[in-house]
Amino acid sequence: VGEISGGTKYGTLKMYDGVTITGATNNNYFGGAVIVAGGGTFEMNG
């Protein structure tokens, strides 16, 4: 969500009850499930 590598990329993620994010495995760096960077917002309601 948003811009990771410079500049600005606007975006919003919202998450609610009943949603499951699972099993995501990265080899390196940042954010196994979600990465929120410049211009980005994440709202976790459930």
All heavy atoms as atom14 arrays in JSON, in Angstrom:
{
  "sequence": "VGEISGGTKYGTLKMYDGVTITGATNNNYFGGAVIVAGGGTFEMNG",
  "atom14_mask": [
    [1, 1, 1, 1, 1, 1, 1, 0, 0, 0, 0, 0, 0, 0],
    [1, 1, 1, 1, 0, 0, 0, 0, 0, 0, 0, 0, 0, 0],
    [1, 1, 1, 1, 1, 1, 1, 1, 1, 0, 0, 0, 0, 0],
    [1, 1, 1, 1, 1, 1, 1, 1, 0, 0, 0, 0, 0, 0],
    [1, 1, 1, 1, 1, 1, 0, 0, 0, 0, 0, 0, 0, 0],
    [1, 1, 1, 1, 0, 0, 0, 0, 0, 0, 0, 0, 0, 0],
    [1, 1, 1, 1, 0, 0, 0, 0, 0, 0, 0, 0, 0, 0],
    [1, 1, 1, 1, 1, 1, 1, 0, 0, 0, 0, 0, 0, 0],
    [1, 1, 1, 1, 1, 1, 1, 1, 1, 0, 0, 0, 0, 0],
    [1, 1, 1, 1, 1, 1, 1, 1, 1, 1, 1, 1, 0, 0],
    [1, 1, 1, 1, 0, 0, 0, 0, 0, 0, 0, 0, 0, 0],
    [1, 1, 1, 1, 1, 1, 1, 0, 0, 0, 0, 0, 0, 0],
    [1, 1, 1, 1, 1, 1, 1, 1, 0, 0, 0, 0, 0, 0],
    [1, 1, 1, 1, 1, 1, 1, 1, 1, 0, 0, 0, 0, 0],
    [1, 1, 1, 1, 1, 1, 1, 1, 0, 0, 0, 0, 0, 0],
    [1, 1, 1, 1, 1, 1, 1, 1, 1, 1, 1, 1, 0, 0],
    [1, 1, 1, 1, 1, 1, 1, 1, 0, 0, 0, 0, 0, 0],
    [1, 1, 1, 1, 0, 0, 0, 0, 0, 0, 0, 0, 0, 0],
    [1, 1, 1, 1, 1, 1, 1, 0, 0, 0, 0, 0, 0, 0],
    [1, 1, 1, 1, 1, 1, 1, 0, 0, 0, 0, 0, 0, 0],
    [1, 1, 1, 1, 1, 1, 1, 1, 0, 0, 0, 0, 0, 0],
    [1, 1, 1, 1, 1, 1, 1, 0, 0, 0, 0, 0, 0, 0],
    [1, 1, 1, 1, 0, 0, 0, 0, 0, 0, 0, 0, 0, 0],
    [1, 1, 1, 1, 1, 0, 0, 0, 0, 0, 0, 0, 0, 0],
    [1, 1, 1, 1, 1, 1, 1, 0, 0, 0, 0, 0, 0, 0],
    [1, 1, 1, 1, 1, 1, 1, 1, 0, 0, 0, 0, 0, 0],
    [1, 1, 1, 1, 1, 1, 1, 1, 0, 0, 0, 0, 0, 0],
    [1, 1, 1, 1, 1, 1, 1, 1, 0, 0, 0, 0, 0, 0],
    [1, 1, 1, 1, 1, 1, 1, 1, 1, 1, 1, 1, 0, 0],
    [1, 1, 1, 1, 1, 1, 1, 1, 1, 1, 1, 0, 0, 0],
    [1, 1, 1, 1, 0, 0, 0, 0, 0, 0, 0, 0, 0, 0],
    [1, 1, 1, 1, 0, 0, 0, 0, 0, 0, 0, 0, 0, 0],
    [1, 1, 1, 1, 1, 0, 0, 0, 0, 0, 0, 0, 0, 0],
    [1, 1, 1, 1, 1, 1, 1, 0, 0, 0, 0, 0, 0, 0],
    [1, 1, 1, 1, 1, 1, 1, 1, 0, 0, 0, 0, 0, 0],
    [1, 1, 1, 1, 1, 1, 1, 0, 0, 0, 0, 0, 0, 0],
    [1, 1, 1, 1, 1, 0, 0, 0, 0, 0, 0, 0, 0, 0],
    [1, 1, 1, 1, 0, 0, 0, 0, 0, 0, 0, 0, 0, 0],
    [1, 1, 1, 1, 0, 0, 0, 0, 0, 0, 0, 0, 0, 0],
    [1, 1, 1, 1, 0, 0, 0, 0, 0, 0, 0, 0, 0, 0],
    [1, 1, 1, 1, 1, 1, 1, 0, 0, 0, 0, 0, 0, 0],
    [1, 1, 1, 1, 1, 1, 1, 1, 1, 1, 1, 0, 0, 0],
    [1, 1, 1, 1, 1, 1, 1, 1, 1, 0, 0, 0, 0, 0],
    [1, 1, 1, 1, 1, 1, 1, 1, 0, 0, 0, 0, 0, 0],
    [1, 1, 1, 1, 1, 1, 1, 1, 0, 0, 0, 0, 0, 0],
    [1, 1, 1, 1, 0, 0, 0, 0, 0, 0, 0, 0, 0, 0]
  ],
  "atom14_positions": [
    [[0.86, -1.18, 0.0], [0.0, 0.0, 0.0], [0.9, 1.24, 0.0], [1.73, 1.4, 0.89], [-0.93, 0.03, 1.22], [-1.94, 1.17, 1.1], [-1.66, -1.3, 1.39], [0.0, 0.0, 0.0], [0.0, 0.0, 0.0], [0.0, 0.0, 0.0], [0.0, 0.0, 0.0], [0.0, 0.0, 0.0], [0.0, 0.0, 0.0], [0.0, 0.0, 0.0]],
    [[0.72, 2.13, -0.98], [1.55, 3.31, -1.06], [2.82, 3.06, -1.86], [2.94, 2.08, -2.59], [0.0, 0.0, 0.0], [0.0, 0.0, 0.0], [0.0, 0.0, 0.0], [0.0, 0.0, 0.0], [0.0, 0.0, 0.0], [0.0, 0.0, 0.0], [0.0, 0.0, 0.0], [0.0, 0.0, 0.0], [0.0, 0.0, 0.0], [0.0, 0.0, 0.0]],
    [[3.78, 3.96, -1.71], [5.0, 3.94, -2.51], [6.19, 3.5, -1.66], [6.51, 4.12, -0.64], [5.29, 5.31, -3.11], [6.56, 5.38, -3.93], [6.57, 4.36, -5.05], [5.68, 4.39, -5.91], [7.49, 3.52, -5.06], [0.0, 0.0, 0.0], [0.0, 0.0, 0.0], [0.0, 0.0, 0.0], [0.0, 0.0, 0.0], [0.0, 0.0, 0.0]],
    [[6.86, 2.45, -2.08], [7.99, 1.92, -1.34], [9.3, 2.53, -1.8], [10.16, 2.88, -1.0], [8.05, 0.38, -1.49], [6.83, -0.24, -0.81], [9.32, -0.18, -0.91], [6.7, -1.71, -1.03], [0.0, 0.0, 0.0], [0.0, 0.0, 0.0], [0.0, 0.0, 0.0], [0.0, 0.0, 0.0], [0.0, 0.0, 0.0], [0.0, 0.0, 0.0]],
    [[9.48, 2.7, -3.08], [10.81, 2.97, -3.63], [11.02, 4.41, -4.07], [11.83, 4.68, -4.94], [11.09, 2.03, -4.8], [10.1, 2.22, -5.81], [0.0, 0.0, 0.0], [0.0, 0.0, 0.0], [0.0, 0.0, 0.0], [0.0, 0.0, 0.0], [0.0, 0.0, 0.0], [0.0, 0.0, 0.0], [0.0, 0.0, 0.0], [0.0, 0.0, 0.0]],
    [[10.32, 5.35, -3.48], [10.54, 6.76, -3.81], [9.32, 7.38, -4.48], [8.52, 6.7, -5.1], [0.0, 0.0, 0.0], [0.0, 0.0, 0.0], [0.0, 0.0, 0.0], [0.0, 0.0, 0.0], [0.0, 0.0, 0.0], [0.0, 0.0, 0.0], [0.0, 0.0, 0.0], [0.0, 0.0, 0.0], [0.0, 0.0, 0.0], [0.0, 0.0, 0.0]],
    [[9.2, 8.69, -4.37], [8.03, 9.37, -4.93], [6.82, 9.19, -4.03], [6.94, 8.89, -2.86], [0.0, 0.0, 0.0], [0.0, 0.0, 0.0], [0.0, 0.0, 0.0], [0.0, 0.0, 0.0], [0.0, 0.0, 0.0], [0.0, 0.0, 0.0], [0.0, 0.0, 0.0], [0.0, 0.0, 0.0], [0.0, 0.0, 0.0], [0.0, 0.0, 0.0]],
    [[5.64, 9.36, -4.59], [4.41, 9.23, -3.83], [3.41, 8.4, -4.61], [3.16, 8.66, -5.78], [3.79, 10.6, -3.51], [4.73, 11.37, -2.77], [2.53, 10.45, -2.68], [0.0, 0.0, 0.0], [0.0, 0.0, 0.0], [0.0, 0.0, 0.0], [0.0, 0.0, 0.0], [0.0, 0.0, 0.0], [0.0, 0.0, 0.0], [0.0, 0.0, 0.0]],
    [[2.86, 7.41, -3.97], [1.8, 6.6, -4.57], [0.7, 6.49, -3.54], [0.87, 5.84, -2.5], [2.32, 5.23, -4.97], [1.28, 4.36, -5.69], [1.82, 2.97, -5.96], [2.81, 2.98, -7.09], [3.23, 1.61, -7.44], [0.0, 0.0, 0.0], [0.0, 0.0, 0.0], [0.0, 0.0, 0.0], [0.0, 0.0, 0.0], [0.0, 0.0, 0.0]],
    [[-0.42, 7.13, -3.77], [-1.5, 7.19, -2.79], [-2.34, 5.92, -2.84], [-2.68, 5.43, -3.91], [-2.39, 8.4, -3.06], [-1.67, 9.71, -2.97], [-1.04, 10.26, -4.08], [-1.6, 10.4, -1.78], [-0.37, 11.48, -4.0], [-0.94, 11.62, -1.68], [-0.32, 12.14, -2.8], [0.34, 13.34, -2.71], [0.0, 0.0, 0.0], [0.0, 0.0, 0.0]],
    [[-2.73, 5.42, -1.67], [-3.6, 4.25, -1.63], [-4.06, 3.96, -0.22], [-3.38, 4.3, 0.75], [0.0, 0.0, 0.0], [0.0, 0.0, 0.0], [0.0, 0.0, 0.0], [0.0, 0.0, 0.0], [0.0, 0.0, 0.0], [0.0, 0.0, 0.0], [0.0, 0.0, 0.0], [0.0, 0.0, 0.0], [0.0, 0.0, 0.0], [0.0, 0.0, 0.0]],
    [[-5.24, 3.34, -0.09], [-5.81, 3.0, 1.21], [-6.29, 1.56, 1.2], [-6.97, 1.13, 0.26], [-6.98, 3.92, 1.56], [-6.52, 5.26, 1.71], [-7.65, 3.5, 2.86], [0.0, 0.0, 0.0], [0.0, 0.0, 0.0], [0.0, 0.0, 0.0], [0.0, 0.0, 0.0], [0.0, 0.0, 0.0], [0.0, 0.0, 0.0], [0.0, 0.0, 0.0]],
    [[-5.93, 0.82, 2.26], [-6.42, -0.54, 2.46], [-7.24, -0.56, 3.74], [-6.81, -0.04, 4.77], [-5.24, -1.51, 2.57], [-5.59, -2.96, 2.92], [-6.31, -3.65, 1.77], [-4.32, -3.75, 3.28], [0.0, 0.0, 0.0], [0.0, 0.0, 0.0], [0.0, 0.0, 0.0], [0.0, 0.0, 0.0], [0.0, 0.0, 0.0], [0.0, 0.0, 0.0]],
    [[-8.44, -1.18, 3.69], [-9.27, -1.35, 4.87], [-9.62, -2.83, 5.01], [-9.9, -3.51, 4.04], [-10.56, -0.52, 4.77], [-10.32, 0.98, 4.69], [-11.63, 1.76, 4.66], [-11.38, 3.25, 4.58], [-12.66, 4.03, 4.62], [0.0, 0.0, 0.0], [0.0, 0.0, 0.0], [0.0, 0.0, 0.0], [0.0, 0.0, 0.0], [0.0, 0.0, 0.0]],
    [[-9.62, -3.29, 6.26], [-9.84, -4.72, 6.54], [-10.87, -4.87, 7.64], [-10.84, -4.13, 8.63], [-8.5, -5.35, 6.94], [-8.54, -6.83, 7.25], [-6.85, -7.44, 7.56], [-7.2, -9.11, 8.12], [0.0, 0.0, 0.0], [0.0, 0.0, 0.0], [0.0, 0.0, 0.0], [0.0, 0.0, 0.0], [0.0, 0.0, 0.0], [0.0, 0.0, 0.0]],
    [[-11.78, -5.85, 7.49], [-12.89, -6.01, 8.42], [-12.98, -7.45, 8.94], [-12.27, -8.35, 8.47], [-14.21, -5.61, 7.75], [-14.31, -4.12, 7.52], [-13.82, -3.54, 6.36], [-14.86, -3.28, 8.49], [-13.89, -2.16, 6.15], [-14.94, -1.91, 8.31], [-14.45, -1.36, 7.14], [-14.51, 0.01, 6.96], [0.0, 0.0, 0.0], [0.0, 0.0, 0.0]],
    [[-13.89, -7.65, 9.9], [-14.1, -8.97, 10.47], [-14.44, -9.98, 9.39], [-15.1, -9.66, 8.39], [-15.24, -8.93, 11.5], [-14.81, -8.32, 12.83], [-13.61, -8.35, 13.13], [-15.69, -7.83, 13.56], [0.0, 0.0, 0.0], [0.0, 0.0, 0.0], [0.0, 0.0, 0.0], [0.0, 0.0, 0.0], [0.0, 0.0, 0.0], [0.0, 0.0, 0.0]],
    [[-14.03, -11.21, 9.64], [-14.3, -12.28, 8.69], [-13.2, -12.48, 7.67], [-13.24, -13.44, 6.9], [0.0, 0.0, 0.0], [0.0, 0.0, 0.0], [0.0, 0.0, 0.0], [0.0, 0.0, 0.0], [0.0, 0.0, 0.0], [0.0, 0.0, 0.0], [0.0, 0.0, 0.0], [0.0, 0.0, 0.0], [0.0, 0.0, 0.0], [0.0, 0.0, 0.0]],
    [[-12.22, -11.59, 7.66], [-11.11, -11.69, 6.71], [-9.89, -12.28, 7.41], [-9.54, -11.87, 8.51], [-10.75, -10.31, 6.12], [-9.54, -10.41, 5.19], [-11.95, -9.73, 5.38], [0.0, 0.0, 0.0], [0.0, 0.0, 0.0], [0.0, 0.0, 0.0], [0.0, 0.0, 0.0], [0.0, 0.0, 0.0], [0.0, 0.0, 0.0], [0.0, 0.0, 0.0]],
    [[-9.25, -13.24, 6.77], [-8.0, -13.81, 7.27], [-6.94, -13.71, 6.19], [-7.15, -14.17, 5.06], [-8.19, -15.29, 7.67], [-9.18, -15.39, 8.69], [-6.88, -15.87, 8.16], [0.0, 0.0, 0.0], [0.0, 0.0, 0.0], [0.0, 0.0, 0.0], [0.0, 0.0, 0.0], [0.0, 0.0, 0.0], [0.0, 0.0, 0.0], [0.0, 0.0, 0.0]],
    [[-5.81, -13.11, 6.53], [-4.64, -13.08, 5.65], [-3.62, -14.02, 6.27], [-3.23, -13.85, 7.43], [-4.05, -11.67, 5.53], [-5.09, -10.72, 4.92], [-2.8, -11.67, 4.65], [-4.66, -9.26, 4.92], [0.0, 0.0, 0.0], [0.0, 0.0, 0.0], [0.0, 0.0, 0.0], [0.0, 0.0, 0.0], [0.0, 0.0, 0.0], [0.0, 0.0, 0.0]],
    [[-3.18, -15.03, 5.52], [-2.34, -16.06, 6.12], [-1.36, -16.65, 5.11], [-1.56, -16.56, 3.89], [-3.23, -17.19, 6.7], [-2.41, -18.11, 7.42], [-3.98, -17.93, 5.61], [0.0, 0.0, 0.0], [0.0, 0.0, 0.0], [0.0, 0.0, 0.0], [0.0, 0.0, 0.0], [0.0, 0.0, 0.0], [0.0, 0.0, 0.0], [0.0, 0.0, 0.0]],
    [[-0.29, -17.23, 5.64], [0.62, -18.04, 4.82], [1.61, -17.28, 3.96], [2.36, -17.9, 3.22], [0.0, 0.0, 0.0], [0.0, 0.0, 0.0], [0.0, 0.0, 0.0], [0.0, 0.0, 0.0], [0.0, 0.0, 0.0], [0.0, 0.0, 0.0], [0.0, 0.0, 0.0], [0.0, 0.0, 0.0], [0.0, 0.0, 0.0], [0.0, 0.0, 0.0]],
    [[1.64, -15.95, 4.04], [2.57, -15.18, 3.21], [3.94, -15.16, 3.88], [4.07, -14.71, 5.01], [2.05, -13.76, 3.01], [0.0, 0.0, 0.0], [0.0, 0.0, 0.0], [0.0, 0.0, 0.0], [0.0, 0.0, 0.0], [0.0, 0.0, 0.0], [0.0, 0.0, 0.0], [0.0, 0.0, 0.0], [0.0, 0.0, 0.0], [0.0, 0.0, 0.0]],
    [[4.95, -15.64, 3.18], [6.31, -15.68, 3.72], [7.28, -15.09, 2.73], [7.43, -15.61, 1.62], [6.73, -17.13, 4.03], [5.78, -17.72, 4.91], [8.1, -17.15, 4.69], [0.0, 0.0, 0.0], [0.0, 0.0, 0.0], [0.0, 0.0, 0.0], [0.0, 0.0, 0.0], [0.0, 0.0, 0.0], [0.0, 0.0, 0.0], [0.0, 0.0, 0.0]],
    [[7.93, -14.0, 3.11], [8.97, -13.39, 2.27], [10.33, -13.92, 2.68], [10.53, -14.37, 3.8], [8.94, -11.87, 2.39], [7.68, -11.27, 1.78], [7.03, -11.9, 0.96], [7.33, -10.09, 2.21], [0.0, 0.0, 0.0], [0.0, 0.0, 0.0], [0.0, 0.0, 0.0], [0.0, 0.0, 0.0], [0.0, 0.0, 0.0], [0.0, 0.0, 0.0]],
    [[11.29, -13.8, 1.77], [12.65, -14.25, 2.06], [13.48, -13.17, 2.73], [14.53, -13.46, 3.29], [13.35, -14.67, 0.77], [12.7, -15.9, 0.14], [12.16, -16.72, 0.85], [12.75, -16.0, -1.17], [0.0, 0.0, 0.0], [0.0, 0.0, 0.0], [0.0, 0.0, 0.0], [0.0, 0.0, 0.0], [0.0, 0.0, 0.0], [0.0, 0.0, 0.0]],
    [[13.06, -11.92, 2.66], [13.93, -10.83, 3.08], [13.12, -9.55, 3.23], [11.98, -9.47, 2.78], [15.03, -10.62, 2.03], [16.32, -10.13, 2.65], [16.35, -9.67, 3.79], [17.41, -10.23, 1.9], [0.0, 0.0, 0.0], [0.0, 0.0, 0.0], [0.0, 0.0, 0.0], [0.0, 0.0, 0.0], [0.0, 0.0, 0.0], [0.0, 0.0, 0.0]],
    [[13.71, -8.57, 3.86], [13.23, -7.2, 3.91], [12.0, -7.0, 4.79], [11.99, -7.38, 5.93], [13.02, -6.65, 2.5], [14.29, -6.57, 1.71], [14.41, -7.22, 0.49], [15.4, -5.88, 2.2], [15.58, -7.16, -0.24], [16.58, -5.82, 1.49], [16.67, -6.46, 0.27], [17.83, -6.42, -0.43], [0.0, 0.0, 0.0], [0.0, 0.0, 0.0]],
    [[10.92, -6.41, 4.25], [9.89, -5.78, 5.07], [8.51, -6.36, 4.8], [8.12, -6.57, 3.66], [9.82, -4.28, 4.77], [11.06, -3.5, 5.12], [12.19, -3.57, 4.35], [11.08, -2.69, 6.24], [13.32, -2.85, 4.67], [12.21, -1.96, 6.59], [13.33, -2.04, 5.79], [0.0, 0.0, 0.0], [0.0, 0.0, 0.0], [0.0, 0.0, 0.0]],
    [[7.73, -6.57, 5.87], [6.31, -6.84, 5.74], [5.97, -8.21, 5.21], [5.79, -8.38, 4.01], [0.0, 0.0, 0.0], [0.0, 0.0, 0.0], [0.0, 0.0, 0.0], [0.0, 0.0, 0.0], [0.0, 0.0, 0.0], [0.0, 0.0, 0.0], [0.0, 0.0, 0.0], [0.0, 0.0, 0.0], [0.0, 0.0, 0.0], [0.0, 0.0, 0.0]],
    [[5.84, -9.2, 6.11], [5.44, -10.51, 5.66], [4.06, -10.52, 5.02], [3.84, -11.14, 3.99], [0.0, 0.0, 0.0], [0.0, 0.0, 0.0], [0.0, 0.0, 0.0], [0.0, 0.0, 0.0], [0.0, 0.0, 0.0], [0.0, 0.0, 0.0], [0.0, 0.0, 0.0], [0.0, 0.0, 0.0], [0.0, 0.0, 0.0], [0.0, 0.0, 0.0]],
    [[3.1, -9.83, 5.64], [1.73, -9.79, 5.11], [1.45, -8.47, 4.41], [1.02, -8.44, 3.25], [0.72, -10.01, 6.23], [0.0, 0.0, 0.0], [0.0, 0.0, 0.0], [0.0, 0.0, 0.0], [0.0, 0.0, 0.0], [0.0, 0.0, 0.0], [0.0, 0.0, 0.0], [0.0, 0.0, 0.0], [0.0, 0.0, 0.0], [0.0, 0.0, 0.0]],
    [[1.69, -7.33, 5.1], [1.31, -6.01, 4.56], [2.47, -5.05, 4.77], [3.07, -5.01, 5.85], [0.05, -5.45, 5.25], [-0.31, -4.08, 4.67], [-1.13, -6.42, 5.11], [0.0, 0.0, 0.0], [0.0, 0.0, 0.0], [0.0, 0.0, 0.0], [0.0, 0.0, 0.0], [0.0, 0.0, 0.0], [0.0, 0.0, 0.0], [0.0, 0.0, 0.0]],
    [[2.79, -4.26, 3.74], [3.73, -3.16, 3.89], [3.01, -1.87, 3.51], [2.36, -1.8, 2.47], [5.01, -3.36, 3.05], [5.99, -2.2, 3.29], [4.72, -3.57, 1.58], [7.39, -2.46, 2.76], [0.0, 0.0, 0.0], [0.0, 0.0, 0.0], [0.0, 0.0, 0.0], [0.0, 0.0, 0.0], [0.0, 0.0, 0.0], [0.0, 0.0, 0.0]],
    [[3.1, -0.87, 4.39], [2.45, 0.42, 4.19], [3.54, 1.48, 4.11], [4.29, 1.66, 5.07], [1.47, 0.76, 5.34], [0.63, 1.97, 4.97], [0.58, -0.44, 5.66], [0.0, 0.0, 0.0], [0.0, 0.0, 0.0], [0.0, 0.0, 0.0], [0.0, 0.0, 0.0], [0.0, 0.0, 0.0], [0.0, 0.0, 0.0], [0.0, 0.0, 0.0]],
    [[3.62, 2.18, 2.99], [4.71, 3.13, 2.78], [4.15, 4.5, 2.44], [2.94, 4.75, 2.58], [5.65, 2.62, 1.7], [0.0, 0.0, 0.0], [0.0, 0.0, 0.0], [0.0, 0.0, 0.0], [0.0, 0.0, 0.0], [0.0, 0.0, 0.0], [0.0, 0.0, 0.0], [0.0, 0.0, 0.0], [0.0, 0.0, 0.0], [0.0, 0.0, 0.0]],
    [[5.02, 5.42, 1.99], [4.65, 6.8, 1.77], [3.4, 6.97, 0.91], [3.27, 6.35, -0.13], [0.0, 0.0, 0.0], [0.0, 0.0, 0.0], [0.0, 0.0, 0.0], [0.0, 0.0, 0.0], [0.0, 0.0, 0.0], [0.0, 0.0, 0.0], [0.0, 0.0, 0.0], [0.0, 0.0, 0.0], [0.0, 0.0, 0.0], [0.0, 0.0, 0.0]],
    [[2.48, 7.81, 1.39], [1.22, 8.03, 0.68], [0.18, 6.96, 0.93], [-0.94, 7.06, 0.44], [0.0, 0.0, 0.0], [0.0, 0.0, 0.0], [0.0, 0.0, 0.0], [0.0, 0.0, 0.0], [0.0, 0.0, 0.0], [0.0, 0.0, 0.0], [0.0, 0.0, 0.0], [0.0, 0.0, 0.0], [0.0, 0.0, 0.0], [0.0, 0.0, 0.0]],
    [[0.53, 5.9, 1.68], [-0.38, 4.8, 1.91], [-0.92, 4.77, 3.32], [-0.24, 5.19, 4.27], [0.0, 0.0, 0.0], [0.0, 0.0, 0.0], [0.0, 0.0, 0.0], [0.0, 0.0, 0.0], [0.0, 0.0, 0.0], [0.0, 0.0, 0.0], [0.0, 0.0, 0.0], [0.0, 0.0, 0.0], [0.0, 0.0, 0.0], [0.0, 0.0, 0.0]],
    [[-2.15, 4.29, 3.48], [-2.76, 4.11, 4.8], [-3.41, 2.74, 4.86], [-3.95, 2.23, 3.88], [-3.82, 5.19, 5.1], [-4.86, 5.13, 4.1], [-3.2, 6.58, 5.09], [0.0, 0.0, 0.0], [0.0, 0.0, 0.0], [0.0, 0.0, 0.0], [0.0, 0.0, 0.0], [0.0, 0.0, 0.0], [0.0, 0.0, 0.0], [0.0, 0.0, 0.0]],
    [[-3.37, 2.14, 6.05], [-3.98, 0.84, 6.31], [-4.83, 0.97, 7.55], [-4.36, 1.4, 8.6], [-2.9, -0.22, 6.5], [-3.4, -1.59, 6.88], [-4.66, -2.04, 6.52], [-2.58, -2.46, 7.6], [-5.11, -3.31, 6.86], [-3.01, -3.73, 7.96], [-4.28, -4.16, 7.59], [0.0, 0.0, 0.0], [0.0, 0.0, 0.0], [0.0, 0.0, 0.0]],
    [[-6.12, 0.61, 7.42], [-7.07, 0.69, 8.53], [-7.57, -0.72, 8.82], [-8.27, -1.31, 8.0], [-8.22, 1.61, 8.16], [-9.26, 1.8, 9.23], [-10.4, 2.69, 8.74], [-10.14, 3.87, 8.44], [-11.54, 2.19, 8.66], [0.0, 0.0, 0.0], [0.0, 0.0, 0.0], [0.0, 0.0, 0.0], [0.0, 0.0, 0.0], [0.0, 0.0, 0.0]],
    [[-7.2, -1.25, 9.97], [-7.6, -2.61, 10.35], [-8.72, -2.52, 11.38], [-8.5, -2.2, 12.54], [-6.4, -3.38, 10.9], [-6.67, -4.85, 11.15], [-5.14, -5.75, 11.6], [-5.78, -7.42, 11.79], [0.0, 0.0, 0.0], [0.0, 0.0, 0.0], [0.0, 0.0, 0.0], [0.0, 0.0, 0.0], [0.0, 0.0, 0.0], [0.0, 0.0, 0.0]],
    [[-9.94, -2.81, 10.93], [-11.11, -2.74, 11.79], [-11.47, -4.1, 12.38], [-12.29, -4.18, 13.3], [-12.3, -2.21, 10.99], [-12.06, -0.81, 10.49], [-12.15, 0.15, 11.24], [-11.73, -0.67, 9.21], [0.0, 0.0, 0.0], [0.0, 0.0, 0.0], [0.0, 0.0, 0.0], [0.0, 0.0, 0.0], [0.0, 0.0, 0.0], [0.0, 0.0, 0.0]],
    [[-10.91, -5.15, 11.86], [-11.19, -6.5, 12.33], [-10.44, -7.49, 11.46], [-9.6, -7.12, 10.64], [0.0, 0.0, 0.0], [0.0, 0.0, 0.0], [0.0, 0.0, 0.0], [0.0, 0.0, 0.0], [0.0, 0.0, 0.0], [0.0, 0.0, 0.0], [0.0, 0.0, 0.0], [0.0, 0.0, 0.0], [0.0, 0.0, 0.0], [0.0, 0.0, 0.0]]
  ]
}
